Each structure stands twice: as C-alpha cells, then as structure tokens.
PDB file of N, CA and C in Angstrom:
ATOM      1  N   MET A   1     -57.724  15.399  71.978  1.00  0.00           N
ATOM      2  CA  MET A   1     -57.634  16.583  71.179  1.00  0.00           C
ATOM      3  C   MET A   1     -56.857  16.265  69.979  1.00  0.00           C
ATOM      4  N   PRO A   2     -57.339  16.691  68.753  1.00  0.00           N
ATOM      5  CA  PRO A   2     -56.592  16.467  67.497  1.00  0.00           C
ATOM      6  C   PRO A   2     -55.159  16.930  67.544  1.00  0.00           C
ATOM      7  N   GLN A   3     -54.332  16.189  66.783  1.00  0.00           N
ATOM      8  CA  GLN A   3     -52.803  16.566  66.598  1.00  0.00           C
ATOM      9  C   GLN A   3     -52.677  16.909  65.121  1.00  0.00           C
ATOM     10  N   TYR A   4     -51.872  17.893  64.844  1.00  0.00           N
ATOM     11  CA  TYR A   4     -51.472  18.309  63.566  1.00  0.00           C
ATOM     12  C   TYR A   4     -49.939  18.407  63.361  1.00  0.00           C
ATOM     13  N   VAL A   5     -49.613  17.905  62.130  1.00  0.00           N
ATOM     14  CA  VAL A   5     -48.142  18.076  61.724  1.00  0.00           C
ATOM     15  C   VAL A   5     -48.105  19.436  60.901  1.00  0.00           C
ATOM     16  N   LEU A   6     -47.127  20.160  61.337  1.00  0.00           N
ATOM     17  CA  LEU A   6     -46.912  21.401  60.470  1.00  0.00           C
ATOM     18  C   LEU A   6     -45.558  21.219  59.692  1.00  0.00           C
ATOM     19  N   LEU A   7     -45.666  21.002  58.395  1.00  0.00           N
ATOM     20  CA  LEU A   7     -44.498  20.858  57.581  1.00  0.00           C
ATOM     21  C   LEU A   7     -44.199  22.271  57.102  1.00  0.00           C
ATOM     22  N   LEU A   8     -42.928  22.614  57.363  1.00  0.00           N
ATOM     23  CA  LEU A   8     -42.275  23.906  56.967  1.00  0.00           C
ATOM     24  C   LEU A   8     -41.640  23.749  55.681  1.00  0.00           C
ATOM     25  N   ARG A   9     -42.054  24.495  54.560  1.00  0.00           N
ATOM     26  CA  ARG A   9     -41.590  24.457  53.339  1.00  0.00           C
ATOM     27  C   ARG A   9     -41.061  25.857  52.932  1.00  0.00           C
ATOM     28  N   ASP A  10     -40.009  25.862  52.274  1.00  0.00           N
ATOM     29  CA  ASP A  10     -39.478  27.056  51.584  1.00  0.00           C
ATOM     30  C   ASP A  10     -38.482  26.749  50.577  1.00  0.00           C
ATOM     31  N   ASP A  11     -38.013  27.853  49.864  1.00  0.00           N
ATOM     32  CA  ASP A  11     -37.029  27.713  48.750  1.00  0.00           C
ATOM     33  C   ASP A  11     -35.606  27.474  49.532  1.00  0.00           C
ATOM     34  N   PRO A  12     -34.890  26.372  49.038  1.00  0.00           N
ATOM     35  CA  PRO A  12     -33.596  26.252  49.741  1.00  0.00           C
ATOM     36  C   PRO A  12     -32.569  27.474  49.470  1.00  0.00           C
ATOM     37  N   LYS A  13     -32.844  28.266  48.512  1.00  0.00           N
ATOM     38  CA  LYS A  13     -31.867  29.311  48.238  1.00  0.00           C
ATOM     39  C   LYS A  13     -32.103  30.452  49.126  1.00  0.00           C
ATOM     40  N   THR A  14     -33.271  30.494  49.875  1.00  0.00           N
ATOM     41  CA  THR A  14     -33.710  31.695  50.695  1.00  0.00           C
ATOM     42  C   THR A  14     -32.685  32.060  51.651  1.00  0.00           C
ATOM     43  N   TYR A  15     -31.984  31.196  52.216  1.00  0.00           N
ATOM     44  CA  TYR A  15     -31.103  31.588  53.362  1.00  0.00           C
ATOM     45  C   TYR A  15     -29.588  31.621  52.897  1.00  0.00           C
ATOM     46  N   ALA A  16     -29.250  31.408  51.697  1.00  0.00           N
ATOM     47  CA  ALA A  16     -27.926  31.325  51.126  1.00  0.00           C
ATOM     48  C   ALA A  16     -27.110  32.573  51.543  1.00  0.00           C
ATOM     49  N   ASP A  17     -27.652  33.627  51.599  1.00  0.00           N
ATOM     50  CA  ASP A  17     -26.879  34.910  51.897  1.00  0.00           C
ATOM     51  C   ASP A  17     -27.111  35.437  53.208  1.00  0.00           C
ATOM     52  N   PHE A  18     -27.650  34.694  54.259  1.00  0.00           N
ATOM     53  CA  PHE A  18     -27.804  35.076  55.659  1.00  0.00           C
ATOM     54  C   PHE A  18     -26.524  35.102  56.356  1.00  0.00           C
ATOM     55  N   SER A  19     -26.236  36.164  57.103  1.00  0.00           N
ATOM     56  CA  SER A  19     -25.174  36.223  58.122  1.00  0.00           C
ATOM     57  C   SER A  19     -25.523  35.471  59.211  1.00  0.00           C
ATOM     58  N   PRO A  20     -24.405  35.182  60.052  1.00  0.00           N
ATOM     59  CA  PRO A  20     -24.645  34.396  61.127  1.00  0.00           C
ATOM     60  C   PRO A  20     -25.577  35.245  62.260  1.00  0.00           C
ATOM     61  N   GLN A  21     -25.556  36.518  62.191  1.00  0.00           N
ATOM     62  CA  GLN A  21     -26.495  37.351  63.020  1.00  0.00           C
ATOM     63  C   GLN A  21     -27.953  37.130  62.531  1.00  0.00           C
ATOM     64  N   GLN A  22     -28.198  37.000  61.227  1.00  0.00           N
ATOM     65  CA  GLN A  22     -29.475  36.930  60.631  1.00  0.00           C
ATOM     66  C   GLN A  22     -29.949  35.488  61.021  1.00  0.00           C
ATOM     67  N   PHE A  23     -29.122  34.426  60.915  1.00  0.00           N
ATOM     68  CA  PHE A  23     -29.545  33.179  61.239  1.00  0.00           C
ATOM     69  C   PHE A  23     -29.901  33.121  62.688  1.00  0.00           C
ATOM     70  N   GLN A  24     -29.094  33.773  63.627  1.00  0.00           N
ATOM     71  CA  GLN A  24     -29.377  33.644  65.141  1.00  0.00           C
ATOM     72  C   GLN A  24     -30.744  34.451  65.408  1.00  0.00           C
ATOM     73  N   SER A  25     -30.955  35.476  64.632  1.00  0.00           N
ATOM     74  CA  SER A  25     -32.261  36.262  64.928  1.00  0.00           C
ATOM     75  C   SER A  25     -33.486  35.287  64.524  1.00  0.00           C
ATOM     76  N   LEU A  26     -33.321  34.694  63.319  1.00  0.00           N
ATOM     77  CA  LEU A  26     -34.316  33.838  62.801  1.00  0.00           C
ATOM     78  C   LEU A  26     -34.585  32.621  63.887  1.00  0.00           C
ATOM     79  N   ILE A  27     -33.490  31.996  64.367  1.00  0.00           N
ATOM     80  CA  ILE A  27     -33.595  30.976  65.244  1.00  0.00           C
ATOM     81  C   ILE A  27     -34.387  31.406  66.442  1.00  0.00           C
ATOM     82  N   GLU A  28     -34.045  32.550  66.944  1.00  0.00           N
ATOM     83  CA  GLU A  28     -34.732  33.138  68.179  1.00  0.00           C
ATOM     84  C   GLU A  28     -36.284  33.185  67.896  1.00  0.00           C
ATOM     85  N   LYS A  29     -36.527  33.583  66.699  1.00  0.00           N
ATOM     86  CA  LYS A  29     -38.059  33.781  66.378  1.00  0.00           C
ATOM     87  C   LYS A  29     -38.753  32.453  66.421  1.00  0.00           C
ATOM     88  N   TYR A  30     -38.124  31.395  65.803  1.00  0.00           N
ATOM     89  CA  TYR A  30     -38.552  30.172  65.922  1.00  0.00           C
ATOM     90  C   TYR A  30     -38.763  29.448  67.301  1.00  0.00           C
ATOM     91  N   ASN A  31     -37.769  29.820  68.016  1.00  0.00           N
ATOM     92  CA  ASN A  31     -37.646  29.314  69.445  1.00  0.00           C
ATOM     93  C   ASN A  31     -38.921  30.005  70.197  1.00  0.00           C
ATOM     94  N   GLY A  32     -38.996  31.261  69.960  1.00  0.00           N
ATOM     95  CA  GLY A  32     -40.005  32.021  70.672  1.00  0.00           C
ATOM     96  C   GLY A  32     -41.400  31.620  70.345  1.00  0.00           C
ATOM     97  N   TRP A  33     -41.617  31.376  69.086  1.00  0.00           N
ATOM     98  CA  TRP A  33     -42.985  30.721  68.540  1.00  0.00           C
ATOM     99  C   TRP A  33     -43.196  29.388  69.178  1.00  0.00           C
ATOM    100  N   ALA A  34     -42.238  28.488  69.179  1.00  0.00           N
ATOM    101  CA  ALA A  34     -42.383  27.159  69.743  1.00  0.00           C
ATOM    102  C   ALA A  34     -42.523  27.321  71.330  1.00  0.00           C
ATOM    103  N   GLY A  35     -41.878  28.203  71.960  1.00  0.00           N
ATOM    104  CA  GLY A  35     -41.948  28.379  73.402  1.00  0.00           C
ATOM    105  C   GLY A  35     -43.358  28.877  73.804  1.00  0.00           C
ATOM    106  N   LYS A  36     -44.122  29.682  72.966  1.00  0.00           N
ATOM    107  CA  LYS A  36     -45.408  30.171  73.111  1.00  0.00           C
ATOM    108  C   LYS A  36     -46.362  28.948  73.160  1.00  0.00           C
ATOM    109  N   LEU A  37     -46.234  28.119  72.162  1.00  0.00           N
ATOM    110  CA  LEU A  37     -47.117  26.942  72.053  1.00  0.00           C
ATOM    111  C   LEU A  37     -46.723  25.963  73.254  1.00  0.00           C
ATOM    112  N   ALA A  38     -45.508  25.758  73.619  1.00  0.00           N
ATOM    113  CA  ALA A  38     -45.197  24.824  74.706  1.00  0.00           C
ATOM    114  C   ALA A  38     -45.853  25.321  75.998  1.00  0.00           C
ATOM    115  N   ALA A  39     -45.793  26.693  76.097  1.00  0.00           N
ATOM    116  CA  ALA A  39     -46.426  27.280  77.410  1.00  0.00           C
ATOM    117  C   ALA A  39     -47.929  27.001  77.498  1.00  0.00           C
ATOM    118  N   GLN A  40     -48.502  26.822  76.357  1.00  0.00           N
ATOM    119  CA  GLN A  40     -49.999  26.509  76.262  1.00  0.00           C
ATOM    120  C   GLN A  40     -50.228  25.019  76.333  1.00  0.00           C
ATOM    121  N   GLY A  41     -49.131  24.226  76.392  1.00  0.00           N
ATOM    122  CA  GLY A  41     -49.296  22.696  76.350  1.00  0.00           C
ATOM    123  C   GLY A  41     -49.729  22.316  74.969  1.00  0.00           C
ATOM    124  N   ARG A  42     -49.463  22.929  73.899  1.00  0.00           N
ATOM    125  CA  ARG A  42     -49.975  22.471  72.551  1.00  0.00           C
ATOM    126  C   ARG A  42     -48.683  22.029  71.707  1.00  0.00           C
ATOM    127  N   LEU A  43     -47.476  22.145  72.156  1.00  0.00           N
ATOM    128  CA  LEU A  43     -46.389  21.731  71.301  1.00  0.00           C
ATOM    129  C   LEU A  43     -45.987  20.389  71.790  1.00  0.00           C
ATOM    130  N   LEU A  44     -46.106  19.457  70.972  1.00  0.00           N
ATOM    131  CA  LEU A  44     -45.564  18.020  71.264  1.00  0.00           C
ATOM    132  C   LEU A  44     -44.206  17.657  70.764  1.00  0.00           C
ATOM    133  N   SER A  45     -43.736  18.352  69.683  1.00  0.00           N
ATOM    134  CA  SER A  45     -42.451  18.064  69.108  1.00  0.00           C
ATOM    135  C   SER A  45     -42.231  19.174  68.063  1.00  0.00           C
ATOM    136  N   GLY A  46     -41.004  19.232  67.693  1.00  0.00           N
ATOM    137  CA  GLY A  46     -40.603  20.139  66.597  1.00  0.00           C
ATOM    138  C   GLY A  46     -39.029  19.936  66.299  1.00  0.00           C
ATOM    139  N   LYS A  47     -38.793  19.822  65.023  1.00  0.00           N
ATOM    140  CA  LYS A  47     -37.233  19.677  64.735  1.00  0.00           C
ATOM    141  C   LYS A  47     -37.077  20.342  63.311  1.00  0.00           C
ATOM    142  N   LYS A  48     -35.827  20.720  63.161  1.00  0.00           N
ATOM    143  CA  LYS A  48     -35.266  21.184  61.802  1.00  0.00           C
ATOM    144  C   LYS A  48     -34.705  19.956  61.215  1.00  0.00           C
ATOM    145  N   LEU A  49     -34.814  19.813  59.896  1.00  0.00           N
ATOM    146  CA  LEU A  49     -34.403  18.752  59.163  1.00  0.00           C
ATOM    147  C   LEU A  49     -33.087  19.051  58.471  1.00  0.00           C
ATOM    148  N   GLN A  50     -32.223  18.127  58.268  1.00  0.00           N
ATOM    149  CA  GLN A  50     -30.870  18.461  57.633  1.00  0.00           C
ATOM    150  C   GLN A  50     -31.035  18.967  56.202  1.00  0.00           C
ATOM    151  N   GLU A  51     -30.204  20.031  55.822  1.00  0.00           N
ATOM    152  CA  GLU A  51     -30.420  20.416  54.481  1.00  0.00           C
ATOM    153  C   GLU A  51     -29.950  19.496  53.315  1.00  0.00           C
ATOM    154  N   SER A  52     -28.993  18.616  53.685  1.00  0.00           N
ATOM    155  CA  SER A  52     -28.462  17.751  52.647  1.00  0.00           C
ATOM    156  C   SER A  52     -28.640  16.376  53.065  1.00  0.00           C
ATOM    157  N   GLY A  53     -28.402  15.508  52.121  1.00  0.00           N
ATOM    158  CA  GLY A  53     -28.525  14.149  52.419  1.00  0.00           C
ATOM    159  C   GLY A  53     -30.041  13.630  52.340  1.00  0.00           C
ATOM    160  N   GLY A  54     -30.380  12.586  52.905  1.00  0.00           N
ATOM    161  CA  GLY A  54     -31.762  12.123  52.845  1.00  0.00           C
ATOM    162  C   GLY A  54     -31.825  11.246  51.580  1.00  0.00           C
ATOM    163  N   LYS A  55     -32.877  10.530  51.547  1.00  0.00           N
ATOM    164  CA  LYS A  55     -33.282   9.607  50.425  1.00  0.00           C
ATOM    165  C   LYS A  55     -34.813   9.771  50.029  1.00  0.00           C
ATOM    166  N   VAL A  56     -34.968   9.537  48.788  1.00  0.00           N
ATOM    167  CA  VAL A  56     -36.321   9.570  48.207  1.00  0.00           C
ATOM    168  C   VAL A  56     -36.541   8.054  47.745  1.00  0.00           C
ATOM    169  N   MET A  57     -37.659   7.444  48.187  1.00  0.00           N
ATOM    170  CA  MET A  57     -37.944   6.087  47.802  1.00  0.00           C
ATOM    171  C   MET A  57     -39.217   5.965  46.924  1.00  0.00           C
ATOM    172  N   ARG A  58     -39.189   5.142  46.056  1.00  0.00           N
ATOM    173  CA  ARG A  58     -40.380   4.951  45.220  1.00  0.00           C
ATOM    174  C   ARG A  58     -40.465   3.576  44.587  1.00  0.00           C
ATOM    175  N   LYS A  59     -41.523   3.040  44.558  1.00  0.00           N
ATOM    176  CA  LYS A  59     -41.661   1.695  43.956  1.00  0.00           C
ATOM    177  C   LYS A  59     -42.812   1.651  43.028  1.00  0.00           C
ATOM    178  N   PRO A  60     -42.450   1.911  41.715  1.00  0.00           N
ATOM    179  CA  PRO A  60     -43.498   1.983  40.655  1.00  0.00           C
ATOM    180  C   PRO A  60     -44.245   0.654  40.653  1.00  0.00           C
ATOM    181  N   LYS A  61     -45.450   0.740  40.204  1.00  0.00           N
ATOM    182  CA  LYS A  61     -46.330  -0.430  40.160  1.00  0.00           C
ATOM    183  C   LYS A  61     -45.682  -1.519  39.378  1.00  0.00           C
ATOM    184  N   GLY A  62     -45.450  -2.695  40.053  1.00  0.00           N
ATOM    185  CA  GLY A  62     -44.952  -3.684  39.301  1.00  0.00           C
ATOM    186  C   GLY A  62     -43.468  -3.666  39.127  1.00  0.00           C
ATOM    187  N   GLY A  63     -42.917  -2.553  39.677  1.00  0.00           N
ATOM    188  CA  GLY A  63     -41.418  -2.487  39.371  1.00  0.00           C
ATOM    189  C   GLY A  63     -40.577  -2.715  40.698  1.00  0.00           C
ATOM    190  N   ASN A  64     -39.296  -2.340  40.702  1.00  0.00           N
ATOM    191  CA  ASN A  64     -38.448  -2.551  41.835  1.00  0.00           C
ATOM    192  C   ASN A  64     -38.494  -1.240  42.567  1.00  0.00           C
ATOM    193  N   LEU A  65     -37.996  -1.355  43.713  1.00  0.00           N
ATOM    194  CA  LEU A  65     -37.852  -0.230  44.693  1.00  0.00           C
ATOM    195  C   LEU A  65     -36.619   0.600  44.127  1.00  0.00           C
ATOM    196  N   VAL A  66     -36.907   1.952  43.958  1.00  0.00           N
ATOM    197  CA  VAL A  66     -35.808   2.878  43.489  1.00  0.00           C
ATOM    198  C   VAL A  66     -35.635   3.874  44.638  1.00  0.00           C
ATOM    199  N   VAL A  67     -34.301   3.960  44.923  1.00  0.00           N
ATOM    200  CA  VAL A  67     -33.859   4.881  46.066  1.00  0.00           C
ATOM    201  C   VAL A  67     -32.946   5.927  45.405  1.00  0.00           C
ATOM    202  N   LYS A  68     -33.423   7.270  45.659  1.00  0.00           N
ATOM    203  CA  LYS A  68     -32.445   8.293  45.065  1.00  0.00           C
ATOM    204  C   LYS A  68     -31.984   9.242  46.221  1.00  0.00           C
ATOM    205  N   ASP A  69     -30.891   9.922  45.974  1.00  0.00           N
ATOM    206  CA  ASP A  69     -30.442  10.949  47.016  1.00  0.00           C
ATOM    207  C   ASP A  69     -31.476  12.048  46.883  1.00  0.00           C
ATOM    208  N   GLY A  70     -31.619  12.704  48.075  1.00  0.00           N
ATOM    209  CA  GLY A  70     -32.412  13.909  48.064  1.00  0.00           C
ATOM    210  C   GLY A  70     -32.053  14.652  49.404  1.00  0.00           C
ATOM    211  N   PRO A  71     -32.739  15.722  49.711  1.00  0.00           N
ATOM    212  CA  PRO A  71     -33.605  16.572  48.725  1.00  0.00           C
ATOM    213  C   PRO A  71     -32.817  17.050  47.642  1.00  0.00           C
ATOM    214  N   PHE A  72     -33.483  17.406  46.470  1.00  0.00           N
ATOM    215  CA  PHE A  72     -32.821  17.672  45.405  1.00  0.00           C
ATOM    216  C   PHE A  72     -32.580  19.206  45.250  1.00  0.00           C
ATOM    217  N   ALA A  73     -31.389  19.573  44.839  1.00  0.00           N
ATOM    218  CA  ALA A  73     -30.997  21.053  44.644  1.00  0.00           C
ATOM    219  C   ALA A  73     -32.033  21.813  43.599  1.00  0.00           C
ATOM    220  N   GLU A  74     -32.517  20.978  42.566  1.00  0.00           N
ATOM    221  CA  GLU A  74     -33.367  21.704  41.636  1.00  0.00           C
ATOM    222  C   GLU A  74     -34.809  21.802  42.091  1.00  0.00           C
ATOM    223  N   ALA A  75     -35.086  21.262  43.346  1.00  0.00           N
ATOM    224  CA  ALA A  75     -36.474  21.452  43.852  1.00  0.00           C
ATOM    225  C   ALA A  75     -36.785  22.853  44.100  1.00  0.00           C
ATOM    226  N   LYS A  76     -38.070  23.217  43.865  1.00  0.00           N
ATOM    227  CA  LYS A  76     -38.464  24.614  43.990  1.00  0.00           C
ATOM    228  C   LYS A  76     -38.623  24.938  45.497  1.00  0.00           C
ATOM    229  N   GLU A  77     -39.028  23.934  46.271  1.00  0.00           N
ATOM    230  CA  GLU A  77     -39.072  24.143  47.618  1.00  0.00           C
ATOM    231  C   GLU A  77     -38.814  22.777  48.333  1.00  0.00           C
ATOM    232  N   ILE A  78     -38.366  22.723  49.673  1.00  0.00           N
ATOM    233  CA  ILE A  78     -38.133  21.518  50.342  1.00  0.00           C
ATOM    234  C   ILE A  78     -38.841  21.673  51.720  1.00  0.00           C
ATOM    235  N   VAL A  79     -38.975  20.522  52.388  1.00  0.00           N
ATOM    236  CA  VAL A  79     -39.451  20.520  53.727  1.00  0.00           C
ATOM    237  C   VAL A  79     -38.148  20.728  54.533  1.00  0.00           C
ATOM    238  N   GLY A  80     -38.148  21.785  55.432  1.00  0.00           N
ATOM    239  CA  GLY A  80     -37.037  22.138  56.218  1.00  0.00           C
ATOM    240  C   GLY A  80     -37.190  21.783  57.533  1.00  0.00           C
ATOM    241  N   GLY A  81     -38.296  21.463  58.078  1.00  0.00           N
ATOM    242  CA  GLY A  81     -38.561  21.146  59.411  1.00  0.00           C
ATOM    243  C   GLY A  81     -40.090  20.726  59.642  1.00  0.00           C
ATOM    244  N   PHE A  82     -40.335  20.529  60.962  1.00  0.00           N
ATOM    245  CA  PHE A  82     -41.720  20.222  61.221  1.00  0.00           C
ATOM    246  C   PHE A  82     -42.001  20.405  62.720  1.00  0.00           C
ATOM    247  N   TYR A  83     -43.273  20.661  63.018  1.00  0.00           N
ATOM    248  CA  TYR A  83     -43.805  20.586  64.444  1.00  0.00           C
ATOM    249  C   TYR A  83     -44.947  19.639  64.516  1.00  0.00           C
ATOM    250  N   LEU A  84     -45.173  19.139  65.659  1.00  0.00           N
ATOM    251  CA  LEU A  84     -46.397  18.368  65.921  1.00  0.00           C
ATOM    252  C   LEU A  84     -47.003  19.088  67.064  1.00  0.00           C
ATOM    253  N   ILE A  85     -48.293  19.611  66.784  1.00  0.00           N
ATOM    254  CA  ILE A  85     -49.032  20.347  67.846  1.00  0.00           C
ATOM    255  C   ILE A  85     -50.449  19.778  68.011  1.00  0.00           C
ATOM    256  N   LYS A  86     -51.054  20.195  69.154  1.00  0.00           N
ATOM    257  CA  LYS A  86     -52.343  19.853  69.473  1.00  0.00           C
ATOM    258  C   LYS A  86     -53.237  21.202  69.274  1.00  0.00           C
ATOM    259  N   ALA A  87     -54.427  20.982  68.578  1.00  0.00           N
ATOM    260  CA  ALA A  87     -55.311  22.072  68.377  1.00  0.00           C
ATOM    261  C   ALA A  87     -56.745  21.532  68.382  1.00  0.00           C
ATOM    262  N   ASP A  88     -57.655  22.505  68.627  1.00  0.00           N
ATOM    263  CA  ASP A  88     -59.091  21.989  68.798  1.00  0.00           C
ATOM    264  C   ASP A  88     -59.571  21.500  67.466  1.00  0.00           C
ATOM    265  N   ASP A  89     -59.208  22.134  66.320  1.00  0.00           N
ATOM    266  CA  ASP A  89     -59.535  21.768  64.979  1.00  0.00           C
ATOM    267  C   ASP A  89     -58.699  22.472  63.897  1.00  0.00           C
ATOM    268  N   TYR A  90     -58.885  22.235  62.708  1.00  0.00           N
ATOM    269  CA  TYR A  90     -58.079  22.899  61.575  1.00  0.00           C
ATOM    270  C   TYR A  90     -58.134  24.413  61.854  1.00  0.00           C
ATOM    271  N   ALA A  91     -59.202  25.000  61.985  1.00  0.00           N
ATOM    272  CA  ALA A  91     -59.293  26.469  62.037  1.00  0.00           C
ATOM    273  C   ALA A  91     -58.385  26.907  63.232  1.00  0.00           C
ATOM    274  N   HIS A  92     -58.376  26.202  64.290  1.00  0.00           N
ATOM    275  CA  HIS A  92     -57.556  26.489  65.457  1.00  0.00           C
ATOM    276  C   HIS A  92     -56.013  26.354  65.147  1.00  0.00           C
ATOM    277  N   ALA A  93     -55.736  25.292  64.582  1.00  0.00           N
ATOM    278  CA  ALA A  93     -54.454  25.080  64.071  1.00  0.00           C
ATOM    279  C   ALA A  93     -53.762  26.229  63.270  1.00  0.00           C
ATOM    280  N   VAL A  94     -54.724  26.617  62.229  1.00  0.00           N
ATOM    281  CA  VAL A  94     -54.525  27.814  61.383  1.00  0.00           C
ATOM    282  C   VAL A  94     -54.100  29.105  62.240  1.00  0.00           C
ATOM    283  N   LYS A  95     -55.038  29.289  63.252  1.00  0.00           N
ATOM    284  CA  LYS A  95     -54.938  30.530  64.118  1.00  0.00           C
ATOM    285  C   LYS A  95     -53.582  30.446  64.806  1.00  0.00           C
ATOM    286  N   LEU A  96     -53.182  29.222  65.376  1.00  0.00           N
ATOM    287  CA  LEU A  96     -51.966  29.124  66.069  1.00  0.00           C
ATOM    288  C   LEU A  96     -50.671  29.458  65.193  1.00  0.00           C
ATOM    289  N   CYS A  97     -50.832  29.225  63.829  1.00  0.00           N
ATOM    290  CA  CYS A  97     -49.798  29.318  62.989  1.00  0.00           C
ATOM    291  C   CYS A  97     -49.751  30.795  62.354  1.00  0.00           C
ATOM    292  N   GLU A  98     -50.733  31.600  62.655  1.00  0.00           N
ATOM    293  CA  GLU A  98     -50.722  32.856  61.854  1.00  0.00           C
ATOM    294  C   GLU A  98     -49.421  33.737  62.024  1.00  0.00           C
ATOM    295  N   ASP A  99     -48.900  33.767  63.152  1.00  0.00           N
ATOM    296  CA  ASP A  99     -47.561  34.450  63.428  1.00  0.00           C
ATOM    297  C   ASP A  99     -46.296  33.572  63.375  1.00  0.00           C
ATOM    298  N   HIS A 100     -46.377  32.574  62.614  1.00  0.00           N
ATOM    299  CA  HIS A 100     -45.197  31.615  62.671  1.00  0.00           C
ATOM    300  C   HIS A 100     -44.121  32.378  61.801  1.00  0.00           C
ATOM    301  N   PRO A 101     -42.944  32.206  62.239  1.00  0.00           N
ATOM    302  CA  PRO A 101     -41.699  32.897  61.616  1.00  0.00           C
ATOM    303  C   PRO A 101     -41.465  32.263  60.269  1.00  0.00           C
ATOM    304  N   GLN A 102     -41.959  31.132  59.846  1.00  0.00           N
ATOM    305  CA  GLN A 102     -41.773  30.545  58.527  1.00  0.00           C
ATOM    306  C   GLN A 102     -42.181  31.553  57.524  1.00  0.00           C
ATOM    307  N   PHE A 103     -43.133  32.400  57.792  1.00  0.00           N
ATOM    308  CA  PHE A 103     -43.724  33.378  56.687  1.00  0.00           C
ATOM    309  C   PHE A 103     -42.787  34.580  56.583  1.00  0.00           C
ATOM    310  N   VAL A 104     -41.870  34.813  57.450  1.00  0.00           N
ATOM    311  CA  VAL A 104     -41.014  35.899  57.345  1.00  0.00           C
ATOM    312  C   VAL A 104     -40.353  36.015  55.884  1.00  0.00           C
ATOM    313  N   ASN A 105     -39.798  34.884  55.444  1.00  0.00           N
ATOM    314  CA  ASN A 105     -39.076  34.817  54.081  1.00  0.00           C
ATOM    315  C   ASN A 105     -39.878  34.087  53.064  1.00  0.00           C
ATOM    316  N   ASP A 106     -41.224  34.355  53.005  1.00  0.00           N
ATOM    317  CA  ASP A 106     -42.128  33.677  52.002  1.00  0.00           C
ATOM    318  C   ASP A 106     -42.147  32.186  52.154  1.00  0.00           C
ATOM    319  N   GLY A 107     -41.920  31.606  53.207  1.00  0.00           N
ATOM    320  CA  GLY A 107     -42.081  30.148  53.432  1.00  0.00           C
ATOM    321  C   GLY A 107     -43.459  29.692  53.499  1.00  0.00           C
ATOM    322  N   PHE A 108     -43.782  28.388  53.635  1.00  0.00           N
ATOM    323  CA  PHE A 108     -45.117  27.899  53.627  1.00  0.00           C
ATOM    324  C   PHE A 108     -45.147  26.937  54.846  1.00  0.00           C
ATOM    325  N   VAL A 109     -46.337  26.952  55.375  1.00  0.00           N
ATOM    326  CA  VAL A 109     -46.693  25.936  56.484  1.00  0.00           C
ATOM    327  C   VAL A 109     -47.817  24.989  56.034  1.00  0.00           C
ATOM    328  N   GLU A 110     -47.592  23.885  55.892  1.00  0.00           N
ATOM    329  CA  GLU A 110     -48.630  22.832  55.491  1.00  0.00           C
ATOM    330  C   GLU A 110     -49.169  22.297  56.726  1.00  0.00           C
ATOM    331  N   ILE A 111     -50.352  22.225  56.909  1.00  0.00           N
ATOM    332  CA  ILE A 111     -51.029  21.772  58.184  1.00  0.00           C
ATOM    333  C   ILE A 111     -51.779  20.409  57.802  1.00  0.00           C
ATOM    334  N   ARG A 112     -51.404  19.417  58.483  1.00  0.00           N
ATOM    335  CA  ARG A 112     -52.042  18.045  58.214  1.00  0.00           C
ATOM    336  C   ARG A 112     -52.507  17.463  59.556  1.00  0.00           C
ATOM    337  N   GLU A 113     -53.731  17.011  59.672  1.00  0.00           N
ATOM    338  CA  GLU A 113     -54.209  16.319  60.735  1.00  0.00           C
ATOM    339  C   GLU A 113     -53.602  14.813  60.860  1.00  0.00           C
ATOM    340  N   VAL A 114     -53.203  14.461  62.084  1.00  0.00           N
ATOM    341  CA  VAL A 114     -52.743  13.231  62.379  1.00  0.00           C
ATOM    342  C   VAL A 114     -53.948  12.194  62.468  1.00  0.00           C
ATOM    343  N   ASP A 115     -53.876  11.134  61.496  1.00  0.00           N
ATOM    344  CA  ASP A 115     -54.868  10.112  61.576  1.00  0.00           C
ATOM    345  C   ASP A 115     -54.390   8.976  62.322  1.00  0.00           C
ATOM    346  N   PHE A 116     -54.963   8.702  63.479  1.00  0.00           N
ATOM    347  CA  PHE A 116     -54.442   7.562  64.402  1.00  0.00           C
ATOM    348  C   PHE A 116     -55.125   6.268  63.910  1.00  0.00           C
ATOM    349  N   MET A 117     -55.911   6.220  62.867  1.00  0.00           N
ATOM    350  CA  MET A 117     -56.427   5.018  62.260  1.00  0.00           C
ATOM    351  C   MET A 117     -57.114   4.119  63.264  1.00  0.00           C
ATOM    352  N   GLY A 118     -57.943   4.641  64.103  1.00  0.00           N
ATOM    353  CA  GLY A 118     -58.641   3.816  65.226  1.00  0.00           C
ATOM    354  C   GLY A 118     -57.873   3.563  66.309  1.00  0.00           C
ATOM    355  N   GLN A 119     -56.570   3.957  66.419  1.00  0.00           N
ATOM    356  CA  GLN A 119     -55.841   3.723  67.544  1.00  0.00           C
ATOM    357  C   GLN A 119     -55.978   4.708  68.611  1.00  0.00           C
ATOM    358  N   PRO A 120     -55.670   4.562  69.730  1.00  0.00           N
ATOM    359  CA  PRO A 120     -55.712   5.660  70.778  1.00  0.00           C
ATOM    360  C   PRO A 120     -54.640   6.798  70.511  1.00  0.00           C
ATOM    361  N   GLU A 121     -55.001   7.956  70.610  1.00  0.00           N
ATOM    362  CA  GLU A 121     -54.053   9.096  70.499  1.00  0.00           C
ATOM    363  C   GLU A 121     -52.871   8.964  71.434  1.00  0.00           C
ATOM    364  N   THR A 122     -51.728   9.188  70.965  1.00  0.00           N
ATOM    365  CA  THR A 122     -50.616   9.089  71.812  1.00  0.00           C
ATOM    366  C   THR A 122     -49.762  10.556  71.679  1.00  0.00           C
ATOM    367  N   GLU A 123     -49.085  10.929  72.783  1.00  0.00           N
ATOM    368  CA  GLU A 123     -48.328  12.187  72.627  1.00  0.00           C
ATOM    369  C   GLU A 123     -46.922  11.755  72.487  1.00  0.00           C
TER     370      GLU A 123
END
C-alpha cells in the first residue's frame, strides 16, 4: 500500500499568543486525529519538529557546501511537523486529511507519496 508523508506547514507567528489552555486543546486535536488513523492501521509515524535550531544546507553548482542556521524567522511559513501514513492513493490520502487540525489556524498540509526507488516498501 502506498505511503505518504504529510508535511505540516504554517506561519510561525500563528501560535505566538496562544495560552497554555489553547495549546493543550490543539494538542488534543492532533492526538485525536492521529489516534483515529492509528486505529485504522494507517499511521506509521508522526512528530512535531523543533521550532528553533536546525540547519539549511546547499551546495551551489561548482561551489562549496553552505550551511546556514534555520528555520528562518523571516520565513512566511515553516514545516512544523510531519506524519507518515498509508493510503490507497492520493485521493484517499486527501480524504484522510480533510479533518486535520492543521487547518484550524490556516495551516497547510502538503501530501507527498514516498518513492521506494524500486526497493521493497518498509514500515
């Protein structure tokens, strides 16, 4: 069965004014959504990413490797987390994400199919 990575994107300023209770409520929504997929045997993994730190690497053609700190505060949106799920196809992956809590605060979910490059699928 195909696997899909869901990249959760949003504006880093979205949660700046959240109270602890608002954060707890949002976490419960994410856990509820993930629990629903887990109960269906479709959730393989999912994690929140650290809001600060990280590195961005780039090697320009013919140049040296450049490593910069990231994610950048001036970025319009950042990847805040990910899920790895199983779905029948893209349309099914979209259907599974229709009620994702990422949309509550105008966030985005990018859905990308995992390409195993001819190797056996692993979970």
